[in-house]
């Protein structure tokens, strides 16, 4: 099954000739330009167990306790979060000097603008930081991917920025996906990792980090992204259980 499937998703001979799946092969598939996003998602889904073994993904008791202690699952949390979001939107609208109803469109325009530039000259830093904070709390998964890309692309210390956003309680992507409403799908996991790998590779090519740092941190980031995804699935499972239990 493995050889047949890999022949379908890629023409890279080194992938279809190696079992079991290794961390290097997972990285190769996820970052390959020859494989479609749909096939990458299918790859992750089909080989979930092998990938977990390759990444050695385990949820420790300490991490579980920390997650549950800092983000307790409560009935009506969605309602509470919707109230918080309305307040956050009003405050952001005041800062941007626009109406609350215009915030979503404003963020959409900013997200589109940041795709092709390294500096948004029309936005003062305090406003950009506030928009980023809002997006990492209430934005869509597409916005999260674009903001992470921009943040890494424009960072003066890409490794510091990367490991900060991958840790909990920093207002980064780890905190975004710990919320039950923001489950990290396989498609989102792949997109996030591609953004990280691309920016680490760029840092290496420009001499900001060494080849050894690029390889090590790209591997560590893949493991961390997968941990965050599994935590996201766990929290959603607990949420569903609590709802069913009443």
Protein backbone atom coordinates (compact mmCIF):
# COMPACT_ATOMS: atom_id res chain seq x y z
CA UNK A 1 0.00 0.00 0.00
CA UNK A 2 2.79 2.42 0.90
CA UNK A 3 4.68 1.96 -2.37
CA UNK A 4 1.51 2.17 -4.45
CA UNK A 5 0.30 5.29 -2.68
CA UNK A 6 3.65 7.05 -2.93
CA UNK A 7 3.78 6.31 -6.66
CA UNK A 8 0.47 8.11 -6.94
CA UNK A 9 1.52 11.23 -5.04
CA UNK A 10 5.04 11.76 -6.27
CA UNK A 11 7.60 11.00 -8.94
CA UNK A 12 10.41 11.20 -6.36
CA UNK A 13 11.92 7.74 -6.35
CA UNK A 14 13.48 8.14 -2.91
CA UNK A 15 10.04 8.41 -1.30
CA UNK A 16 8.48 5.27 -2.75
CA UNK A 17 11.50 3.14 -1.90
CA UNK A 18 11.75 3.69 1.84
CA UNK A 19 9.80 2.04 4.64
CA UNK A 20 9.13 2.69 7.41
CA UNK A 21 8.36 6.37 6.98
CA UNK A 22 11.10 8.58 8.42
CA UNK A 23 11.07 12.19 9.59
CA UNK A 24 13.09 13.14 6.51
CA UNK A 25 10.52 11.52 4.21
CA UNK A 26 7.65 13.33 5.94
CA UNK A 27 9.46 16.64 5.44
CA UNK A 28 10.20 15.75 1.83
CA UNK A 29 6.56 15.03 1.05
CA UNK A 30 5.16 18.09 2.86
CA UNK A 31 7.57 20.54 1.22
CA UNK A 32 7.62 19.03 -2.29
CA UNK A 33 6.42 21.26 -5.14
CA UNK A 34 5.61 18.14 -7.16
CA UNK A 35 2.86 16.98 -4.84
CA UNK A 36 -0.52 18.70 -4.62
CA UNK A 37 -1.94 19.98 -1.34
CA UNK A 38 -4.72 17.41 -1.60
CA UNK A 39 -2.28 14.53 -1.96
CA UNK A 40 -0.21 15.82 0.96
CA UNK A 41 -3.33 15.87 3.12
CA UNK A 42 -4.17 12.34 1.96
CA UNK A 43 -0.62 11.24 2.77
CA UNK A 44 -0.91 12.53 6.35
CA UNK A 45 -4.30 10.88 6.78
CA UNK A 46 -3.29 7.50 5.34
CA UNK A 47 -0.03 7.22 7.25
CA UNK A 48 -1.07 8.80 10.54
CA UNK A 49 0.34 5.98 12.70
CA UNK A 50 3.67 5.78 10.84
CA UNK A 51 4.07 9.57 10.94
CA UNK A 52 3.37 9.64 14.66
CA UNK A 53 6.05 7.01 15.16
CA UNK A 54 8.50 8.92 12.96
CA UNK A 55 7.90 12.15 14.87
CA UNK A 56 7.70 10.35 18.22
CA UNK A 57 4.66 12.43 19.15
CA UNK A 58 3.60 11.87 22.75
CA UNK A 59 1.43 13.95 25.02
CA UNK A 60 3.01 13.97 28.44
CA UNK A 61 1.01 14.10 31.64
CA UNK A 62 2.59 17.44 32.49
CA UNK A 63 1.61 18.95 29.14
CA UNK A 64 -1.92 17.59 29.41
CA UNK A 65 -2.29 19.04 32.89
CA UNK A 66 -0.96 22.41 31.72
CA UNK A 67 -3.36 22.56 28.79
CA UNK A 68 -6.38 21.63 30.86
CA UNK A 69 -5.38 23.99 33.67
CA UNK A 70 -4.82 27.05 31.51
CA UNK A 71 -7.68 26.53 29.06
CA UNK A 72 -10.45 24.80 31.05
CA UNK A 73 -13.28 23.50 28.93
CA UNK A 74 -16.57 24.91 30.16
CA UNK A 75 -20.12 24.77 28.95
CA UNK A 76 -21.12 27.84 26.93
CA UNK A 77 -17.45 28.74 26.23
CA UNK A 78 -18.42 29.55 22.63
CA UNK A 79 -20.92 32.09 23.93
CA UNK A 80 -18.31 33.60 26.25
CA UNK A 81 -15.80 33.78 23.43
CA UNK A 82 -18.29 35.48 21.14
CA UNK A 83 -18.77 38.22 23.75
CA UNK A 84 -15.01 38.60 24.10
CA UNK A 85 -14.63 38.80 20.34
CA UNK A 86 -17.19 41.61 20.09
CA UNK A 87 -15.29 43.59 22.71
CA UNK A 88 -11.95 42.93 21.02
CA UNK A 89 -13.39 44.04 17.69
CA UNK A 90 -14.69 47.30 19.14
CA UNK A 91 -11.31 48.10 20.68
CA UNK A 92 -9.49 47.31 17.43
CA UNK A 93 -11.95 49.46 15.48
CA UNK A 94 -11.24 52.38 17.81
CA UNK A 95 -7.50 51.98 17.29
CA UNK A 96 -7.89 51.77 13.51
CA UNK A 97 -10.40 54.66 13.53
CA UNK A 98 -13.03 52.67 11.67
CA UNK A 99 -16.42 51.20 12.51
CA UNK A 100 -16.58 47.70 14.10
CA UNK A 101 -18.50 46.47 11.06
CA UNK A 102 -15.50 47.40 8.88
CA UNK A 103 -12.91 45.43 10.85
CA UNK A 104 -13.29 42.12 8.98
CA UNK A 105 -12.89 43.78 5.58
CA UNK A 106 -9.94 45.82 6.85
CA UNK A 107 -8.17 42.67 8.07
CA UNK A 108 -8.95 40.95 4.76
CA UNK A 109 -7.30 43.80 2.86
CA UNK A 110 -4.26 43.77 5.17
CA UNK A 111 -3.94 39.99 4.73
CA UNK A 112 -3.98 40.35 0.95
CA UNK A 113 -1.46 43.21 1.05
CA UNK A 114 1.06 41.32 3.18
CA UNK A 115 1.31 38.41 0.74
CA UNK A 116 3.70 40.22 -1.60
CA UNK A 117 5.56 42.74 0.56
CA UNK A 118 7.90 42.74 3.54
CA UNK A 119 6.62 46.00 4.97
CA UNK A 120 3.15 47.52 5.19
CA UNK A 121 4.09 51.18 5.09
CA UNK A 122 0.54 52.38 5.61
CA UNK A 123 0.30 50.67 9.01
CA UNK A 124 2.12 51.99 12.09
CA UNK A 125 3.69 49.22 14.19
CA UNK A 126 1.22 49.59 17.06
CA UNK A 127 -1.71 49.09 14.69
CA UNK A 128 -0.07 46.12 12.99
CA UNK A 129 0.67 44.51 16.35
CA UNK A 130 -2.94 45.01 17.44
CA UNK A 131 -4.29 43.48 14.23
CA UNK A 132 -1.96 40.51 14.65
CA UNK A 133 -3.13 40.04 18.25
CA UNK A 134 -6.76 40.09 17.10
CA UNK A 135 -6.14 37.64 14.25
CA UNK A 136 -4.28 35.21 16.50
CA UNK A 137 -7.30 35.27 18.82
CA UNK A 138 -10.24 35.40 16.44
CA UNK A 139 -8.98 35.11 12.86
CA UNK A 140 -9.59 32.40 10.28
CA UNK A 141 -7.12 29.60 9.62
CA UNK A 142 -6.24 31.20 6.26
CA UNK A 143 -5.42 34.46 8.04
CA UNK A 144 -3.29 32.60 10.59
CA UNK A 145 -1.22 31.05 7.80
CA UNK A 146 -0.67 34.41 6.08
CA UNK A 147 0.16 36.26 9.30
CA UNK A 148 2.64 33.56 10.34
CA UNK A 149 4.31 33.80 6.94
CA UNK A 150 4.56 37.58 7.20
CA UNK A 151 5.78 37.44 10.78
CA UNK A 152 8.58 35.01 9.95
CA UNK A 153 9.44 36.74 6.68
CA UNK A 154 9.91 40.12 8.33
CA UNK A 155 11.48 38.96 11.60
CA UNK A 156 15.00 40.06 12.47
CA UNK A 157 15.43 36.79 14.38
CA UNK A 158 13.44 34.10 12.62
CA UNK A 159 14.31 31.35 15.11
CA UNK A 160 13.27 33.41 18.13
CA UNK A 161 10.02 34.39 16.42
CA UNK A 162 9.34 30.80 15.36
CA UNK A 163 9.86 29.19 18.74
CA UNK A 164 7.90 31.91 20.48
CA UNK A 165 4.81 31.37 18.34
CA UNK A 166 5.07 27.58 18.77
CA UNK A 167 4.92 27.87 22.58
CA UNK A 168 1.76 28.32 24.62
CA UNK A 169 0.95 31.58 26.42
CA UNK A 170 2.74 33.74 23.82
CA UNK A 171 -0.27 34.77 21.75
CA UNK A 172 0.99 32.72 18.79
CA UNK A 173 -0.32 29.82 16.75
CA UNK A 174 -0.08 27.35 19.65
CA UNK A 175 -2.55 29.44 21.65
CA UNK A 176 -4.82 29.80 18.60
CA UNK A 177 -5.14 26.06 18.07
CA UNK A 178 -5.60 25.19 21.73
CA UNK A 179 -9.13 26.59 21.54
CA UNK A 180 -11.75 23.92 20.73
CA UNK A 181 -13.29 26.05 17.98
CA UNK A 182 -9.94 26.18 16.14
CA UNK A 183 -9.15 22.59 15.33
CA UNK A 184 -6.01 22.13 13.22
CA UNK A 185 -6.82 20.00 10.19
CA UNK A 186 -4.23 18.05 8.21
CA UNK A 187 -4.50 20.63 5.44
CA UNK A 188 -3.78 23.49 7.86
CA UNK A 189 -0.92 21.57 9.48
CA UNK A 190 0.75 21.08 6.09
CA UNK A 191 0.28 24.73 5.11
CA UNK A 192 1.74 25.95 8.40
CA UNK A 193 4.74 23.70 8.10
CA UNK A 194 5.39 24.75 4.50
CA UNK A 195 5.41 28.39 5.64
CA UNK A 196 7.87 27.58 8.41
CA UNK A 197 10.16 25.50 6.19
CA UNK A 198 10.13 28.14 3.45
CA UNK A 199 11.17 30.91 5.83
CA UNK A 200 13.84 28.82 7.54
CA UNK A 201 15.23 27.92 4.12
CA UNK A 202 15.23 31.59 3.15
CA UNK A 203 17.09 32.47 6.36
CA UNK A 204 19.69 29.83 5.52
CA UNK A 205 20.07 31.05 1.92
CA UNK A 206 20.60 34.64 3.09
CA UNK A 207 23.15 33.56 5.68
CA UNK A 208 21.04 34.34 8.76
CA UNK A 209 21.28 30.75 9.98
CA UNK A 210 23.56 27.84 9.14
CA UNK A 211 22.61 24.74 7.17
CA UNK A 212 22.79 22.73 10.40
CA UNK A 213 20.39 25.17 12.10
CA UNK A 214 18.01 25.00 9.15
CA UNK A 215 17.89 21.20 9.19
CA UNK A 216 17.60 20.95 12.99
CA UNK A 217 14.98 23.64 13.43
CA UNK A 218 12.91 22.52 10.44
CA UNK A 219 12.74 19.05 11.98
CA UNK A 220 11.94 20.39 15.45
CA UNK A 221 9.25 22.67 14.03
CA UNK A 222 7.60 19.76 12.22
CA UNK A 223 7.49 17.76 15.44
CA UNK A 224 6.11 20.75 17.35
CA UNK A 225 3.41 21.49 14.73
CA UNK A 226 2.33 17.86 14.90
CA UNK A 227 2.19 18.02 18.71
CA UNK A 228 0.02 21.13 18.52
CA UNK A 229 -2.28 19.40 16.04
CA UNK A 230 -2.66 16.36 18.28
CA UNK A 231 -3.37 18.59 21.29
CA UNK A 232 -6.01 20.33 19.16
CA UNK A 233 -7.68 16.99 18.35
CA UNK A 234 -7.56 15.92 22.00
CA UNK A 235 -9.23 19.11 23.20
CA UNK A 236 -11.97 18.75 20.57
CA UNK A 237 -12.56 15.16 21.67
CA UNK A 238 -12.95 16.27 25.29
CA UNK A 239 -15.25 19.07 24.21
CA UNK A 240 -17.46 16.64 22.29
CA UNK A 241 -17.53 14.26 25.25
CA UNK A 242 -18.61 17.02 27.62
CA UNK A 243 -21.36 18.14 25.25
CA UNK A 244 -22.69 14.59 24.88
CA UNK A 245 -22.45 14.01 28.62
CA UNK A 246 -24.35 17.23 29.28
